[in-house]
Amino acid sequence: MTSSLPSASEAIEKPRSKTELFTAFSHMALQGFGGVLAVVQYELVDHKRWMTRTQFLEEWSVAQIMPGPNVVNLCLMIGGRYFGIPGALAAISGLLCFPLMIVLTLAILFGGVSDHPAAQGALRGMSAVAAGLVTATGLKLMSALPDNPMGLGACLVLGLLTFICVGLLRLPLASVLLGLGVIASLLAYYKITQQALARQKDTP
């Protein structure tokens, strides 16, 4: 049985119009209870096939280090890639428009019951689900790491060091990005350069 997921070398689809971008990101946003990352990864990679897992991981890495919400950065990058500034505006409008109306409505309704034990319990329960969604998405994206120029071992070591620095030592994110991020970038550049030189030597 063959996998239905696109590989790194497989041809990918493209959004046909700005309207499709708007409707696609609206659909993703309305599914994103507890966080949109898991939904966006599924829709863009598995369903829409606009990106491979490797491409999504690379784009998400860029969105992660840019100022602002990660998913917002990602949708701006995708919309801008295909349709320029109008595409970026269509994608961000789809991501924010309907959830904004829903959140404002819920905020008004929730204001009267926010101190109720049932409401507090519901929020604590949803936080656990949100953490599970993010963890599951991270584990799913690990399948793209063997294609990374640094190799699986180096990626796992850097990921573990990042978890220790941020999750356990509670170091500032900016310091971790400037430290481990620079090391990872230099290592990847070195590996890519070495691979390019090796290919040149093998070419008759």
C-alpha atoms as a PDB file:
ATOM      1  CA  MET A   1       0.000   0.000   0.000  1.00  0.00           C
ATOM      2  CA  THR A   2       1.566   3.285  -1.092  1.00  0.00           C
ATOM      3  CA  SER A   3       1.415   6.466   0.932  1.00  0.00           C
ATOM      4  CA  SER A   4      -0.853   9.279  -0.273  1.00  0.00           C
ATOM      5  CA  LEU A   5       1.472  11.922   1.117  1.00  0.00           C
ATOM      6  CA  PRO A   6       3.610  13.966  -1.300  1.00  0.00           C
ATOM      7  CA  SER A   7       7.317  13.300  -1.149  1.00  0.00           C
ATOM      8  CA  ALA A   8       9.972  15.985  -1.256  1.00  0.00           C
ATOM      9  CA  SER A   9      10.493  15.427  -5.000  1.00  0.00           C
ATOM     10  CA  GLU A  10       6.814  15.040  -5.964  1.00  0.00           C
ATOM     11  CA  ALA A  11       5.072  17.760  -7.961  1.00  0.00           C
ATOM     12  CA  ILE A  12       2.815  19.915  -5.825  1.00  0.00           C
ATOM     13  CA  GLU A  13      -0.385  21.794  -6.579  1.00  0.00           C
ATOM     14  CA  LYS A  14      -0.871  25.567  -6.534  1.00  0.00           C
ATOM     15  CA  PRO A  15      -3.832  27.707  -5.439  1.00  0.00           C
ATOM     16  CA  ARG A  16      -5.843  28.696  -8.492  1.00  0.00           C
ATOM     17  CA  SER A  17      -6.953  32.120  -7.292  1.00  0.00           C
ATOM     18  CA  LYS A  18      -6.930  34.586  -4.405  1.00  0.00           C
ATOM     19  CA  THR A  19     -10.486  33.488  -3.643  1.00  0.00           C
ATOM     20  CA  GLU A  20      -9.279  29.940  -3.140  1.00  0.00           C
ATOM     21  CA  LEU A  21      -6.600  31.231  -0.781  1.00  0.00           C
ATOM     22  CA  PHE A  22      -9.218  33.134   1.215  1.00  0.00           C
ATOM     23  CA  THR A  23     -11.632  30.195   1.464  1.00  0.00           C
ATOM     24  CA  ALA A  24      -8.848  27.702   2.238  1.00  0.00           C
ATOM     25  CA  PHE A  25      -7.436  29.727   5.121  1.00  0.00           C
ATOM     26  CA  SER A  26     -10.945  30.508   6.400  1.00  0.00           C
ATOM     27  CA  HIS A  27     -11.643  26.770   6.480  1.00  0.00           C
ATOM     28  CA  MET A  28      -8.368  26.142   8.317  1.00  0.00           C
ATOM     29  CA  ALA A  29      -8.999  28.895  10.856  1.00  0.00           C
ATOM     30  CA  LEU A  30     -12.510  27.658  11.669  1.00  0.00           C
ATOM     31  CA  GLN A  31     -11.075  24.205  12.438  1.00  0.00           C
ATOM     32  CA  GLY A  32      -8.245  25.511  14.591  1.00  0.00           C
ATOM     33  CA  PHE A  33      -9.604  24.994  18.088  1.00  0.00           C
ATOM     34  CA  GLY A  34      -6.654  25.173  20.478  1.00  0.00           C
ATOM     35  CA  GLY A  35      -4.218  26.155  17.737  1.00  0.00           C
ATOM     36  CA  VAL A  36      -4.139  26.269  13.954  1.00  0.00           C
ATOM     37  CA  LEU A  37      -0.730  24.634  13.396  1.00  0.00           C
ATOM     38  CA  ALA A  38      -1.969  21.042  13.245  1.00  0.00           C
ATOM     39  CA  VAL A  39      -4.813  21.976  10.893  1.00  0.00           C
ATOM     40  CA  VAL A  40      -2.633  24.132   8.630  1.00  0.00           C
ATOM     41  CA  GLN A  41      -0.048  21.357   8.327  1.00  0.00           C
ATOM     42  CA  TYR A  42      -2.718  18.817   7.370  1.00  0.00           C
ATOM     43  CA  GLU A  43      -4.503  21.089   4.921  1.00  0.00           C
ATOM     44  CA  LEU A  44      -1.426  22.476   3.153  1.00  0.00           C
ATOM     45  CA  VAL A  45       0.550  19.213   2.980  1.00  0.00           C
ATOM     46  CA  ASP A  46      -1.864  16.292   3.056  1.00  0.00           C
ATOM     47  CA  HIS A  47      -5.087  17.742   1.632  1.00  0.00           C
ATOM     48  CA  LYS A  48      -4.323  20.701  -0.641  1.00  0.00           C
ATOM     49  CA  ARG A  49      -0.816  19.438  -1.487  1.00  0.00           C
ATOM     50  CA  TRP A  50       0.414  23.004  -1.856  1.00  0.00           C
ATOM     51  CA  MET A  51       3.620  22.046  -0.031  1.00  0.00           C
ATOM     52  CA  THR A  52       5.635  18.944   0.820  1.00  0.00           C
ATOM     53  CA  ARG A  53       6.441  18.144   4.444  1.00  0.00           C
ATOM     54  CA  THR A  54      10.021  19.294   3.909  1.00  0.00           C
ATOM     55  CA  GLN A  55       8.864  22.586   2.404  1.00  0.00           C
ATOM     56  CA  PHE A  56       6.352  23.106   5.202  1.00  0.00           C
ATOM     57  CA  LEU A  57       9.043  22.488   7.814  1.00  0.00           C
ATOM     58  CA  GLU A  58      11.378  24.983   6.147  1.00  0.00           C
ATOM     59  CA  GLU A  59       8.668  27.623   5.742  1.00  0.00           C
ATOM     60  CA  TRP A  60       7.483  27.089   9.306  1.00  0.00           C
ATOM     61  CA  SER A  61      11.051  27.552  10.544  1.00  0.00           C
ATOM     62  CA  VAL A  62      11.188  30.957   8.855  1.00  0.00           C
ATOM     63  CA  ALA A  63       7.750  31.905  10.181  1.00  0.00           C
ATOM     64  CA  GLN A  64       8.838  30.832  13.670  1.00  0.00           C
ATOM     65  CA  ILE A  65      11.743  33.279  13.890  1.00  0.00           C
ATOM     66  CA  MET A  66       9.900  36.239  12.351  1.00  0.00           C
ATOM     67  CA  PRO A  67       8.102  38.737  14.613  1.00  0.00           C
ATOM     68  CA  GLY A  68       4.399  38.115  15.033  1.00  0.00           C
ATOM     69  CA  PRO A  69       2.160  35.036  15.226  1.00  0.00           C
ATOM     70  CA  ASN A  70       3.695  32.038  13.459  1.00  0.00           C
ATOM     71  CA  VAL A  71       0.638  30.957  11.466  1.00  0.00           C
ATOM     72  CA  VAL A  72      -0.032  34.538  10.366  1.00  0.00           C
ATOM     73  CA  ASN A  73       3.536  34.791   9.083  1.00  0.00           C
ATOM     74  CA  LEU A  74       3.174  31.492   7.252  1.00  0.00           C
ATOM     75  CA  CYS A  75      -0.074  32.431   5.509  1.00  0.00           C
ATOM     76  CA  LEU A  76       1.416  35.792   4.455  1.00  0.00           C
ATOM     77  CA  MET A  77       4.415  33.989   2.959  1.00  0.00           C
ATOM     78  CA  ILE A  78       2.255  31.505   1.057  1.00  0.00           C
ATOM     79  CA  GLY A  79      -0.196  34.103  -0.245  1.00  0.00           C
ATOM     80  CA  GLY A  80       2.610  36.437  -1.244  1.00  0.00           C
ATOM     81  CA  ARG A  81       4.497  33.699  -3.056  1.00  0.00           C
ATOM     82  CA  TYR A  82       1.657  32.953  -5.473  1.00  0.00           C
ATOM     83  CA  PHE A  83      -0.186  36.277  -5.860  1.00  0.00           C
ATOM     84  CA  GLY A  84       2.046  38.938  -4.334  1.00  0.00           C
ATOM     85  CA  ILE A  85       0.635  41.466  -1.874  1.00  0.00           C
ATOM     86  CA  PRO A  86      -3.025  40.829  -2.928  1.00  0.00           C
ATOM     87  CA  GLY A  87      -2.495  37.115  -2.263  1.00  0.00           C
ATOM     88  CA  ALA A  88      -0.974  37.804   1.146  1.00  0.00           C
ATOM     89  CA  LEU A  89      -3.939  40.040   2.033  1.00  0.00           C
ATOM     90  CA  ALA A  90      -6.412  37.397   0.834  1.00  0.00           C
ATOM     91  CA  ALA A  91      -4.740  34.684   2.924  1.00  0.00           C
ATOM     92  CA  ILE A  92      -4.516  36.786   6.095  1.00  0.00           C
ATOM     93  CA  SER A  93      -8.121  37.967   5.676  1.00  0.00           C
ATOM     94  CA  GLY A  94      -9.302  34.382   5.417  1.00  0.00           C
ATOM     95  CA  LEU A  95      -7.292  33.388   8.475  1.00  0.00           C
ATOM     96  CA  LEU A  96      -8.573  36.203  10.695  1.00  0.00           C
ATOM     97  CA  CYS A  97     -11.994  37.349   9.483  1.00  0.00           C
ATOM     98  CA  PHE A  98     -14.409  34.652  10.690  1.00  0.00           C
ATOM     99  CA  PRO A  99     -12.435  33.630  13.825  1.00  0.00           C
ATOM    100  CA  LEU A 100     -12.350  37.289  14.880  1.00  0.00           C
ATOM    101  CA  MET A 101     -16.139  37.531  14.711  1.00  0.00           C
ATOM    102  CA  ILE A 102     -16.557  34.249  16.590  1.00  0.00           C
ATOM    103  CA  VAL A 103     -14.042  35.186  19.294  1.00  0.00           C
ATOM    104  CA  LEU A 104     -15.654  38.575  19.873  1.00  0.00           C
ATOM    105  CA  THR A 105     -19.056  36.918  20.205  1.00  0.00           C
ATOM    106  CA  LEU A 106     -17.744  34.263  22.585  1.00  0.00           C
ATOM    107  CA  ALA A 107     -15.902  36.897  24.642  1.00  0.00           C
ATOM    108  CA  ILE A 108     -19.170  38.752  25.178  1.00  0.00           C
ATOM    109  CA  LEU A 109     -20.995  35.552  26.129  1.00  0.00           C
ATOM    110  CA  PHE A 110     -18.134  34.202  28.267  1.00  0.00           C
ATOM    111  CA  GLY A 111     -17.855  37.396  30.306  1.00  0.00           C
ATOM    112  CA  GLY A 112     -20.880  36.430  32.373  1.00  0.00           C
ATOM    113  CA  VAL A 113     -19.711  32.893  33.240  1.00  0.00           C
ATOM    114  CA  SER A 114     -15.910  33.250  33.313  1.00  0.00           C
ATOM    115  CA  ASP A 115     -15.729  32.683  37.091  1.00  0.00           C
ATOM    116  CA  HIS A 116     -17.916  29.583  37.042  1.00  0.00           C
ATOM    117  CA  PRO A 117     -16.033  26.341  37.949  1.00  0.00           C
ATOM    118  CA  ALA A 118     -17.385  24.577  34.849  1.00  0.00           C
ATOM    119  CA  ALA A 119     -15.989  27.298  32.585  1.00  0.00           C
ATOM    120  CA  GLN A 120     -12.606  27.189  34.309  1.00  0.00           C
ATOM    121  CA  GLY A 121     -12.509  23.409  33.983  1.00  0.00           C
ATOM    122  CA  ALA A 122     -13.323  23.606  30.287  1.00  0.00           C
ATOM    123  CA  LEU A 123     -10.431  26.020  29.682  1.00  0.00           C
ATOM    124  CA  ARG A 124      -7.970  23.792  31.545  1.00  0.00           C
ATOM    125  CA  GLY A 125      -9.148  20.767  29.579  1.00  0.00           C
ATOM    126  CA  MET A 126      -8.767  22.529  26.239  1.00  0.00           C
ATOM    127  CA  SER A 127      -5.232  23.641  27.142  1.00  0.00           C
ATOM    128  CA  ALA A 128      -4.226  19.979  27.444  1.00  0.00           C
ATOM    129  CA  VAL A 129      -5.779  19.226  24.049  1.00  0.00           C
ATOM    130  CA  ALA A 130      -3.967  22.199  22.477  1.00  0.00           C
ATOM    131  CA  ALA A 131      -0.639  20.984  23.865  1.00  0.00           C
ATOM    132  CA  GLY A 132      -1.356  17.524  22.453  1.00  0.00           C
ATOM    133  CA  LEU A 133      -2.112  18.952  19.003  1.00  0.00           C
ATOM    134  CA  VAL A 134       1.153  20.873  18.887  1.00  0.00           C
ATOM    135  CA  THR A 135       3.130  17.848  20.106  1.00  0.00           C
ATOM    136  CA  ALA A 136       1.490  15.531  17.562  1.00  0.00           C
ATOM    137  CA  THR A 137       2.252  17.955  14.734  1.00  0.00           C
ATOM    138  CA  GLY A 138       5.884  18.218  15.812  1.00  0.00           C
ATOM    139  CA  LEU A 139       6.257  14.438  15.869  1.00  0.00           C
ATOM    140  CA  LYS A 140       4.592  14.184  12.458  1.00  0.00           C
ATOM    141  CA  LEU A 141       6.959  16.731  10.938  1.00  0.00           C
ATOM    142  CA  MET A 142       9.974  14.807  12.224  1.00  0.00           C
ATOM    143  CA  SER A 143       9.562  12.488   9.239  1.00  0.00           C
ATOM    144  CA  ALA A 144      11.020  15.286   7.074  1.00  0.00           C
ATOM    145  CA  LEU A 145      14.229  15.586   9.119  1.00  0.00           C
ATOM    146  CA  PRO A 146      16.154  12.779   7.352  1.00  0.00           C
ATOM    147  CA  ASP A 147      16.051  14.957   4.198  1.00  0.00           C
ATOM    148  CA  ASN A 148      17.692  17.846   6.065  1.00  0.00           C
ATOM    149  CA  PRO A 149      21.252  18.589   4.885  1.00  0.00           C
ATOM    150  CA  MET A 150      22.511  18.450   8.496  1.00  0.00           C
ATOM    151  CA  GLY A 151      21.320  14.864   8.917  1.00  0.00           C
ATOM    152  CA  LEU A 152      18.867  13.336  11.362  1.00  0.00           C
ATOM    153  CA  GLY A 153      21.344  13.058  14.240  1.00  0.00           C
ATOM    154  CA  ALA A 154      22.331  16.731  14.211  1.00  0.00           C
ATOM    155  CA  CYS A 155      18.671  17.800  13.909  1.00  0.00           C
ATOM    156  CA  LEU A 156      17.675  15.699  16.928  1.00  0.00           C
ATOM    157  CA  VAL A 157      20.567  17.039  19.010  1.00  0.00           C
ATOM    158  CA  LEU A 158      19.717  20.659  18.144  1.00  0.00           C
ATOM    159  CA  GLY A 159      16.032  20.011  18.838  1.00  0.00           C
ATOM    160  CA  LEU A 160      16.850  18.507  22.228  1.00  0.00           C
ATOM    161  CA  LEU A 161      19.141  21.406  23.114  1.00  0.00           C
ATOM    162  CA  THR A 162      16.409  23.868  22.119  1.00  0.00           C
ATOM    163  CA  PHE A 163      13.882  22.048  24.323  1.00  0.00           C
ATOM    164  CA  ILE A 164      16.300  22.138  27.262  1.00  0.00           C
ATOM    165  CA  CYS A 165      17.066  25.829  26.800  1.00  0.00           C
ATOM    166  CA  VAL A 166      13.456  26.953  26.338  1.00  0.00           C
ATOM    167  CA  GLY A 167      11.412  24.331  28.199  1.00  0.00           C
ATOM    168  CA  LEU A 168      13.657  23.584  31.175  1.00  0.00           C
ATOM    169  CA  LEU A 169      16.077  26.460  31.595  1.00  0.00           C
ATOM    170  CA  ARG A 170      13.486  29.054  30.479  1.00  0.00           C
ATOM    171  CA  LEU A 171      16.043  31.046  28.518  1.00  0.00           C
ATOM    172  CA  PRO A 172      14.761  33.958  26.406  1.00  0.00           C
ATOM    173  CA  LEU A 173      13.706  32.897  22.912  1.00  0.00           C
ATOM    174  CA  ALA A 174      15.843  35.608  21.314  1.00  0.00           C
ATOM    175  CA  SER A 175      18.960  34.263  23.026  1.00  0.00           C
ATOM    176  CA  VAL A 176      18.192  30.704  21.936  1.00  0.00           C
ATOM    177  CA  LEU A 177      17.607  31.816  18.334  1.00  0.00           C
ATOM    178  CA  LEU A 178      20.827  33.836  18.249  1.00  0.00           C
ATOM    179  CA  GLY A 179      22.785  30.991  19.839  1.00  0.00           C
ATOM    180  CA  LEU A 180      21.505  27.652  18.552  1.00  0.00           C
ATOM    181  CA  GLY A 181      19.928  29.223  15.472  1.00  0.00           C
ATOM    182  CA  VAL A 182      23.227  30.661  14.263  1.00  0.00           C
ATOM    183  CA  ILE A 183      25.017  27.363  14.976  1.00  0.00           C
ATOM    184  CA  ALA A 184      22.377  25.402  13.037  1.00  0.00           C
ATOM    185  CA  SER A 185      22.492  27.839  10.108  1.00  0.00           C
ATOM    186  CA  LEU A 186      26.287  27.651   9.871  1.00  0.00           C
ATOM    187  CA  LEU A 187      26.243  23.860  10.094  1.00  0.00           C
ATOM    188  CA  ALA A 188      23.588  23.605   7.377  1.00  0.00           C
ATOM    189  CA  TYR A 189      25.557  26.005   5.151  1.00  0.00           C
ATOM    190  CA  TYR A 190      28.716  23.927   5.628  1.00  0.00           C
ATOM    191  CA  LYS A 191      26.905  20.677   4.820  1.00  0.00           C
ATOM    192  CA  ILE A 192      25.247  22.127   1.708  1.00  0.00           C
ATOM    193  CA  THR A 193      28.588  23.516   0.514  1.00  0.00           C
ATOM    194  CA  GLN A 194      30.272  20.144   1.021  1.00  0.00           C
ATOM    195  CA  GLN A 195      27.491  18.358  -0.864  1.00  0.00           C
ATOM    196  CA  ALA A 196      27.777  20.833  -3.758  1.00  0.00           C
ATOM    197  CA  LEU A 197      31.559  20.318  -3.934  1.00  0.00           C
ATOM    198  CA  ALA A 198      31.099  16.542  -3.884  1.00  0.00           C
ATOM    199  CA  ARG A 199      28.636  16.730  -6.775  1.00  0.00           C
ATOM    200  CA  GLN A 200      31.071  18.875  -8.772  1.00  0.00           C
ATOM    201  CA  LYS A 201      33.838  16.316  -8.293  1.00  0.00           C
ATOM    202  CA  ASP A 202      31.550  13.490  -9.394  1.00  0.00           C
ATOM    203  CA  THR A 203      30.509  15.375 -12.535  1.00  0.00           C
ATOM    204  CA  PRO A 204      32.726  14.380 -15.481  1.00  0.00           C
END
